[in-house]
Protein backbone atom coordinates (compact mmCIF):
# COMPACT_ATOMS: atom_id res chain seq x y z
CA MET A 1 0.00 0.00 0.00
CA LEU A 2 1.30 3.45 -0.97
CA VAL A 3 0.80 6.20 1.61
CA LEU A 4 1.41 9.92 1.09
CA THR A 5 0.43 13.38 2.36
CA ARG A 6 0.27 16.70 0.55
CA GLN A 7 -0.49 20.27 1.59
CA VAL A 8 -3.23 22.32 -0.08
CA ARG A 9 -3.22 26.05 0.66
CA ASN A 10 -6.30 28.29 0.46
CA PHE A 11 -8.65 25.35 0.49
CA PRO A 12 -11.92 26.25 -1.35
CA PHE A 13 -14.31 26.74 1.56
CA THR A 14 -17.33 28.99 0.99
CA GLN A 15 -18.60 29.61 4.53
CA LYS A 16 -15.37 29.79 6.48
CA GLU A 17 -11.97 31.36 6.04
CA ARG A 18 -9.82 29.65 3.45
CA GLN A 19 -7.19 27.63 5.27
CA THR A 20 -4.49 25.06 4.67
CA ARG A 21 -5.58 21.42 4.59
CA TYR A 22 -3.49 18.28 4.27
CA ILE A 23 -4.42 15.41 1.99
CA PHE A 24 -3.82 11.93 3.38
CA ALA A 25 -4.09 9.40 0.57
CA ALA A 26 -3.42 5.67 0.33
CA ARG A 27 -3.88 3.13 -2.45
CA LEU A 28 -3.50 -0.62 -2.73
CA LYS A 29 -1.15 -1.80 -5.47
CA TYR A 30 -3.18 -4.71 -6.83
CA SER A 31 -6.85 -3.77 -6.55
CA ARG A 32 -6.23 0.02 -6.77
CA VAL A 33 -8.67 0.65 -3.92
CA MET A 34 -8.12 4.22 -2.73
CA TYR A 35 -8.60 5.91 0.61
CA ALA A 36 -8.34 9.65 1.32
CA GLU A 37 -9.17 12.14 4.05
CA PHE A 38 -8.32 15.75 4.92
CA GLN A 39 -6.77 17.13 8.12
CA ASN A 40 -5.69 20.57 9.37
CA ASN A 41 -2.26 19.21 10.36
CA MET A 42 -0.10 16.20 9.67
CA HIS A 43 1.61 15.64 13.01
CA LEU A 44 2.75 12.13 13.87
CA GLU A 45 -0.41 11.30 15.80
CA THR A 46 -2.63 12.57 12.98
CA LEU A 47 -0.70 10.50 10.43
CA VAL A 48 -0.86 7.33 12.53
CA ARG A 49 -4.61 7.61 13.08
CA CYS A 50 -5.14 8.29 9.37
CA ILE A 51 -3.22 5.12 8.53
CA ILE A 52 -5.31 3.06 10.95
CA ARG A 53 -8.52 4.47 9.46
CA ALA A 54 -7.20 3.44 6.04
CA PHE A 55 -6.66 -0.09 7.41
CA GLU A 56 -10.21 -0.05 8.74
CA TYR A 57 -11.49 1.03 5.33
CA ILE A 58 -9.76 -1.76 3.41
CA GLY A 59 -10.50 -4.39 6.05
CA GLY A 60 -7.03 -5.33 7.33
CA ILE A 61 -3.30 -4.62 7.33
CA PRO A 62 -1.23 -5.16 4.16
CA TRP A 63 2.12 -6.88 4.63
CA ALA A 64 4.02 -3.82 3.32
CA CYS A 65 3.43 -0.07 3.26
CA VAL A 66 5.45 2.35 1.14
CA PHE A 67 5.66 5.94 2.40
CA ASP A 68 6.53 9.19 0.72
CA ASN A 69 9.50 10.95 2.34
CA MET A 70 7.73 12.46 5.38
CA LYS A 71 9.47 14.09 8.32
CA THR A 72 7.05 12.35 10.69
CA VAL A 73 8.16 8.96 9.33
CA ILE A 74 11.94 9.32 8.98
CA VAL A 75 14.17 11.68 10.91
CA SER A 76 16.92 11.71 8.31
CA ARG A 77 19.16 9.35 6.37
CA ASP A 78 22.54 7.95 7.37
CA ALA A 79 25.78 8.20 5.40
CA GLU A 80 24.70 5.26 3.24
CA GLY A 81 21.33 6.84 2.46
CA LYS A 82 19.35 4.44 4.66
CA PRO A 83 16.40 5.97 6.51
CA ILE A 84 16.64 6.76 10.23
CA TRP A 85 13.11 6.08 11.44
CA ASN A 86 11.13 8.17 13.86
CA GLU A 87 11.13 5.92 16.94
CA SER A 88 7.42 6.33 17.71
CA PHE A 89 6.55 5.55 14.09
CA ARG A 90 8.88 2.55 14.10
CA LYS A 91 7.09 1.25 17.20
CA PHE A 92 3.75 1.80 15.46
CA SER A 93 4.82 -0.31 12.47
CA VAL A 94 5.95 -3.08 14.82
CA ASP A 95 2.62 -2.95 16.69
CA MET A 96 0.68 -3.12 13.42
CA ASP A 97 3.05 -5.77 12.03
CA PHE A 98 3.70 -4.37 8.56
CA TYR A 99 6.93 -3.91 6.61
CA ARG A 100 7.72 -0.21 6.20
CA HIS A 101 9.55 1.21 3.19
CA ILE A 102 10.40 4.76 2.07
CA CYS A 103 10.30 5.88 -1.55
CA ASP A 104 13.82 5.99 -2.87
CA PRO A 105 14.98 9.53 -3.67
CA TYR A 106 15.34 10.36 -7.36
CA CYS A 107 13.59 7.10 -8.34
CA ALA A 108 11.44 8.11 -11.32
CA ASN A 109 8.90 5.26 -11.29
CA GLN A 110 8.19 5.63 -7.56
CA LYS A 111 7.96 9.41 -7.85
CA GLY A 112 5.53 9.03 -10.73
CA THR A 113 3.31 6.68 -8.72
CA VAL A 114 3.19 9.18 -5.86
CA GLU A 115 2.43 12.16 -8.08
CA ASN A 116 -0.25 10.22 -9.94
CA LEU A 117 -2.08 9.54 -6.68
CA VAL A 118 -1.85 13.22 -5.76
CA LYS A 119 -3.15 14.19 -9.21
CA ILE A 120 -6.19 11.92 -8.82
CA VAL A 121 -7.21 13.48 -5.49
CA LYS A 122 -6.54 17.07 -6.53
CA GLY A 123 -7.92 16.82 -10.05
CA ASN A 124 -10.72 14.27 -9.74
CA PHE A 125 -12.05 15.35 -6.34
CA ILE A 126 -10.95 18.88 -5.35
CA GLY A 127 -10.81 20.35 -8.84
CA GLY A 128 -13.92 22.35 -9.73
CA ARG A 129 -15.53 21.85 -6.32
CA GLU A 130 -16.15 24.17 -3.38
CA PHE A 131 -16.96 23.03 0.13
CA VAL A 132 -19.09 24.65 2.81
CA ASP A 133 -16.90 23.55 5.72
CA ASP A 134 -14.92 20.57 7.02
CA ALA A 135 -18.05 18.52 7.69
CA ASP A 136 -19.16 19.01 4.10
CA LEU A 137 -15.65 18.12 2.90
CA GLU A 138 -15.63 14.90 4.90
CA ARG A 139 -19.08 13.82 3.72
CA ARG A 140 -18.38 14.47 0.04
CA CYS A 141 -14.96 12.79 0.22
CA LYS A 142 -16.62 9.59 1.50
CA GLU A 143 -19.14 9.76 -1.32
CA TRP A 144 -16.35 10.24 -3.86
CA LEU A 145 -14.37 7.28 -2.49
CA GLU A 146 -17.46 5.08 -2.70
CA LYS A 147 -17.93 6.11 -6.33
CA ILE A 148 -14.32 5.82 -7.52
CA ASN A 149 -13.76 2.44 -5.83
CA ASN A 150 -16.87 1.09 -7.54
CA THR A 151 -15.86 2.38 -10.99
CA VAL A 152 -13.78 0.44 -13.53
CA CYS A 153 -10.09 1.30 -13.07
CA GLN A 154 -8.06 1.91 -16.24
CA ALA A 155 -5.04 0.12 -14.74
CA HIS A 156 -6.71 -3.31 -14.90
CA ASN A 157 -10.19 -2.66 -16.35
CA ARG A 158 -11.79 -4.08 -13.23
CA ILE A 159 -13.75 -2.57 -10.34
CA PRO A 160 -11.35 -2.07 -7.37
CA PHE A 161 -13.82 -3.21 -4.69
CA GLU A 162 -14.40 -6.46 -6.62
CA LEU A 163 -10.67 -7.25 -6.42
CA LEU A 164 -10.32 -6.20 -2.80
CA GLY A 165 -11.49 -9.58 -1.52
CA GLU A 166 -8.51 -11.29 -3.16
CA GLU A 167 -6.08 -8.93 -1.42
CA GLN A 168 -7.81 -9.23 1.95
CA LYS A 169 -6.92 -12.92 2.06
CA LYS A 170 -3.29 -11.89 2.58
CA PHE A 171 -3.98 -9.10 5.10
CA THR A 172 -3.43 -9.50 8.82
CA SER A 173 -6.35 -8.59 11.05
CA LEU A 174 -6.52 -5.19 12.72
CA GLN A 175 -6.60 -5.61 16.51
CA THR A 176 -7.26 -2.00 17.47
CA SER A 177 -9.00 1.14 16.20
CA SER A 178 -7.90 4.67 15.34
CA LYS A 179 -9.51 5.90 18.58
CA ASP A 180 -8.05 3.26 20.91
CA TYR A 181 -4.52 2.87 19.56
CA GLY A 182 -1.99 4.32 22.00
CA ILE A 183 0.96 6.13 20.45
CA MET A 184 4.05 5.36 22.46
CA THR A 185 6.37 7.84 24.14
CA VAL A 186 8.52 7.90 27.29
CA CYS A 187 8.40 10.32 30.23
CA LYS A 188 10.45 10.90 33.36
CA VAL A 189 8.52 10.91 36.65
CA ASN A 190 9.56 13.93 38.75
CA GLN A 191 9.97 14.29 42.52
CA GLU A 192 6.28 15.14 42.89
CA SER A 193 5.38 11.81 41.24
CA ARG A 194 4.04 13.49 38.11
CA ILE A 195 4.84 13.48 34.41
CA HIS A 196 4.68 16.43 32.01
CA LEU A 197 3.07 15.53 28.70
CA GLU A 198 1.77 17.82 25.95
CA CYS A 199 2.00 20.87 28.25
CA ASN A 200 -0.13 19.17 30.93
CA ILE A 201 0.50 17.22 34.13
CA TYR A 202 -0.57 13.69 35.13
CA SER A 203 0.05 11.91 38.44
CA VAL A 204 1.82 8.56 38.79
CA PRO A 205 2.04 6.27 41.86
CA THR A 206 4.91 7.33 44.14
CA ASP A 207 6.67 3.99 43.56
CA TYR A 208 7.89 5.36 40.22
CA VAL A 209 9.45 8.66 41.33
CA ASN A 210 12.59 9.44 39.29
CA GLN A 211 11.94 6.54 36.90
CA THR A 212 11.29 6.62 33.16
CA VAL A 213 7.85 5.24 32.31
CA ILE A 214 6.22 4.18 29.05
CA VAL A 215 3.21 6.29 28.03
CA ARG A 216 0.54 5.40 25.47
CA ILE A 217 -1.60 8.25 24.09
CA THR A 218 -5.04 7.33 22.71
CA GLU A 219 -7.55 9.85 21.34
CA ASP A 220 -9.02 10.51 24.80
CA ARG A 221 -6.92 8.61 27.38
CA ILE A 222 -3.39 8.62 28.77
CA LEU A 223 -2.10 5.17 29.76
CA ILE A 224 1.06 5.03 31.89
CA TYR A 225 3.04 1.79 32.09
CA ASP A 226 5.93 0.69 34.26
CA PRO A 227 9.50 1.07 32.88
CA LYS A 228 9.28 -2.36 31.25
CA GLY A 229 6.00 -1.46 29.56
CA THR A 230 4.18 -4.54 30.87
CA ASN A 231 1.85 -3.21 33.59
CA CYS A 232 -0.48 -0.20 33.34
CA VAL A 233 0.10 1.71 36.59
CA ALA A 234 -2.14 4.74 35.87
CA GLU A 235 -4.88 5.79 33.46
CA HIS A 236 -6.14 9.36 32.97
CA ARG A 237 -8.52 11.26 30.75
CA ARG A 238 -6.51 13.16 28.17
CA LEU A 239 -6.16 16.92 28.57
CA PHE A 240 -6.05 19.20 25.53
CA GLY A 241 -5.39 22.59 27.10
CA LYS A 242 -2.17 23.94 28.58
CA GLY A 243 -1.09 23.85 32.22
CA GLU A 244 -3.96 21.55 33.25
CA LYS A 245 -3.59 18.74 35.79
CA VAL A 246 -5.08 15.35 36.53
CA ILE A 247 -4.07 14.26 40.02
CA VAL A 248 -5.34 10.99 41.53
CA PRO A 249 -5.07 11.13 45.36
CA GLU A 250 -4.66 7.35 45.64
CA HIS A 251 -1.29 7.66 43.90
CA TYR A 252 0.02 9.43 47.03
CA GLU A 253 -1.48 7.12 49.67
CA GLU A 254 1.82 6.10 51.26
CA VAL A 255 2.91 9.73 51.61
CA LEU A 256 -0.50 10.87 52.91
CA LYS A 257 -0.35 8.39 55.78
CA ARG A 258 2.44 10.54 57.22
CA LYS A 259 0.88 13.90 56.33
CA PRO A 260 -2.79 14.21 57.35
CA LYS A 261 -2.93 17.91 56.47
CA GLY A 262 -1.55 17.10 53.04
CA ARG A 263 -4.39 14.61 52.55
CA ALA A 264 -7.01 17.33 53.14
CA MET A 265 -5.31 19.73 50.72
CA LEU A 266 -4.90 17.05 48.04
CA TYR A 267 -8.52 16.00 48.35
CA ARG A 268 -9.59 19.63 48.13
CA ASP A 269 -7.55 20.24 44.96
CA HIS A 270 -8.91 17.06 43.40
CA LEU A 271 -12.53 17.92 44.16
CA ILE A 272 -12.41 21.52 42.91
CA SER A 273 -10.93 20.32 39.61
CA GLN A 274 -13.97 18.15 38.91
CA ASP A 275 -16.65 20.81 38.42
CA GLU A 276 -17.27 24.53 38.91
CA GLN A 277 -20.18 23.83 41.28
CA ILE A 278 -17.87 21.89 43.58
CA TYR A 279 -15.28 24.66 43.35
CA ASN A 280 -17.85 27.28 44.43
CA PHE A 281 -19.16 25.09 47.26
CA ILE A 282 -15.69 24.46 48.67
CA SER A 283 -14.74 28.14 48.32
CA ASN A 284 -17.72 29.12 50.48
CA LEU A 285 -17.00 26.34 52.95
CA CYS A 286 -13.34 27.35 53.36
CA ARG A 287 -14.29 31.00 53.92
CA ARG A 288 -16.59 29.97 56.76
CA ARG A 289 -14.25 27.41 58.28
CA ARG A 290 -10.82 28.94 58.01
CA GLY A 291 -7.65 26.86 58.33
CA VAL A 292 -6.87 23.26 57.41
CA GLU A 293 -7.73 22.13 60.95
CA ALA A 294 -11.26 23.52 60.47
CA PHE A 295 -12.09 22.41 56.93
CA GLY A 296 -9.75 19.38 56.73
CA PRO A 297 -12.33 16.85 58.02
CA ASP A 298 -14.86 18.26 55.54
CA MET A 299 -12.51 17.58 52.62
CA VAL A 300 -11.89 13.99 53.71
CA LYS A 301 -15.61 13.32 54.16
CA MET A 302 -16.53 15.02 50.88
CA TYR A 303 -13.94 12.98 48.98
CA GLU A 304 -15.30 9.77 50.51
CA LEU A 305 -18.84 10.76 49.48
CA TYR A 306 -17.70 11.63 45.97
CA GLN A 307 -15.99 8.27 45.55
CA LYS A 308 -18.94 6.34 46.99
CA HIS A 309 -21.85 8.02 45.20
CA GLY A 310 -20.24 9.23 41.96
CA LYS A 311 -20.12 12.61 40.32
CA GLU A 312 -23.77 12.88 39.25
CA GLU A 313 -25.31 12.27 42.69
CA PHE A 314 -22.61 14.32 44.40
CA LEU A 315 -23.31 17.32 42.16
CA ALA A 316 -27.04 17.01 42.85
CA ALA A 317 -26.36 17.18 46.58
CA ILE A 318 -24.00 20.13 46.06
CA ALA A 319 -26.67 22.04 44.11
CA LEU A 320 -29.36 21.49 46.74
CA SER A 321 -27.09 22.30 49.65
CA SER A 322 -25.79 25.44 47.90
CA GLU A 323 -29.34 26.60 47.23
CA TRP A 324 -29.97 26.66 50.98
CA GLU A 325 -26.46 28.04 51.68
CA CYS A 326 -25.62 25.00 53.79
CA TYR A 327 -21.88 24.70 53.29
CA GLY A 328 -20.47 21.66 55.07
CA SER A 329 -19.84 17.96 54.54
CA GLU A 330 -22.54 17.06 57.09
CA TYR A 331 -25.24 18.49 54.82
CA LEU A 332 -23.96 16.56 51.83
CA GLU A 333 -23.75 13.40 53.89
CA TYR A 334 -27.35 13.85 54.99
CA LEU A 335 -28.61 14.38 51.44
CA LEU A 336 -26.64 11.44 50.06
CA GLU A 337 -26.84 8.92 52.88
CA ILE A 338 -30.21 9.40 54.63
CA PRO A 339 -32.44 8.91 51.54
CA ALA A 340 -30.86 5.50 51.02
CA GLN A 341 -32.17 4.40 54.43
CA GLY A 342 -35.77 4.19 53.18
CA SER A 343 -38.58 5.60 55.28
CA ARG A 344 -36.42 6.67 58.20
CA GLN A 345 -36.34 10.37 57.33
CA LYS A 346 -35.32 13.27 59.53
CA LEU A 347 -34.92 16.98 59.00
CA LEU A 348 -31.74 18.52 57.68
CA PRO A 349 -29.88 19.87 60.76
CA LEU A 350 -29.26 23.58 60.19
CA ARG A 351 -26.97 25.38 62.58
CA GLY A 352 -28.81 27.90 64.79
CA ILE A 353 -32.24 26.56 63.86
CA PRO A 354 -34.08 24.18 66.30
CA VAL A 355 -34.51 20.62 65.12
CA GLN A 356 -37.97 19.09 64.96
CA LYS A 357 -37.80 17.36 68.35
CA GLU A 358 -37.19 20.74 70.00
CA VAL A 359 -40.28 22.16 68.28
CA ASP A 360 -42.55 19.22 69.04
CA ARG A 361 -42.78 19.85 72.81
CA PRO A 362 -45.90 19.34 75.00
CA MET A 363 -48.50 22.14 74.80
CA GLU A 364 -48.13 22.95 78.51
CA VAL A 365 -44.57 24.03 77.86
CA TYR A 366 -45.82 26.73 75.48
CA MET A 367 -48.68 27.71 77.82
CA ASN A 368 -46.29 28.17 80.72
CA TYR A 369 -44.05 30.21 78.45
CA VAL A 370 -46.92 32.50 77.38
CA GLU A 371 -48.42 32.84 80.86
CA GLY A 372 -45.01 33.52 82.31
CA GLY A 373 -44.49 36.51 80.04
CA GLY A 374 -41.94 34.82 77.84
CA ARG A 375 -39.85 33.49 80.69
């Protein structure tokens, strides 16, 4: 399978600013089945996921893939002209189990094959067309691929999709998807038991401080493995901003046993990062109960409630408690725990307001109070 990318400047959009788009194109040598898609960049991760989607489209992995000379694929060439592979891409080819090859420089027949594939996409699809936006581009590209792969190809006077079945017999099966495949990299765990990745921070169990760990990056998850790459020691949702953090308190359990105040602060930081409602609730609570000694037990209890009941129920309790300006873990505990006890209901204990048993006193108590002039 031949794989290439090309840049197209001033892409013909009609309802958005004209921008640069990158063509990813691939074609099988025997059946001539084509695959193409458009991206706004061609970073390594983008290229890898495009390749996997191409494998999904053709129904398996060919035994060999030939690549145009891309910087994301080879770093450079050695003194003998042999390619020096990008290590993450090399690992990807090993994971997918295909033989990788780079077009030889100044080789006319290979260069012609590449340029012919580019000409088909640019001339047969882009040429003469305008697109509303990226969604319109994606939809029409799929329609074009369906049409061209079901049309007689001049190379062999056959329909490509009809020949695809013969090629698929020699493919290896695809064991992952473009969304789930984890691109490999390595990171050093710092003294705070955290790694820095893509301008963001992720926690790691303290057992791996100062060690180099293996990291796999999927579309929406970060998987951290031990130095040997055999055991997954942490899993996080992937962050796409800058300077954001995902800290799991359990990763610091051994340290927190010796630092109770640190436990309260870590739980607080973890909770406020989950949702703005929780952040506002804790801000009000900390203003009313100043100092770690005062609000520390609240943070521990709130974290336990969050873990036990989950985010949805916890947020519901936060909203109701905030509505009544009842800022404290005891109110959340009441709202989350008492309803689960069935019919045994009691009133929410509000500070400074008598509970029901103080109100439900014998009538003579009130009569004596009235007759005694309020004494």
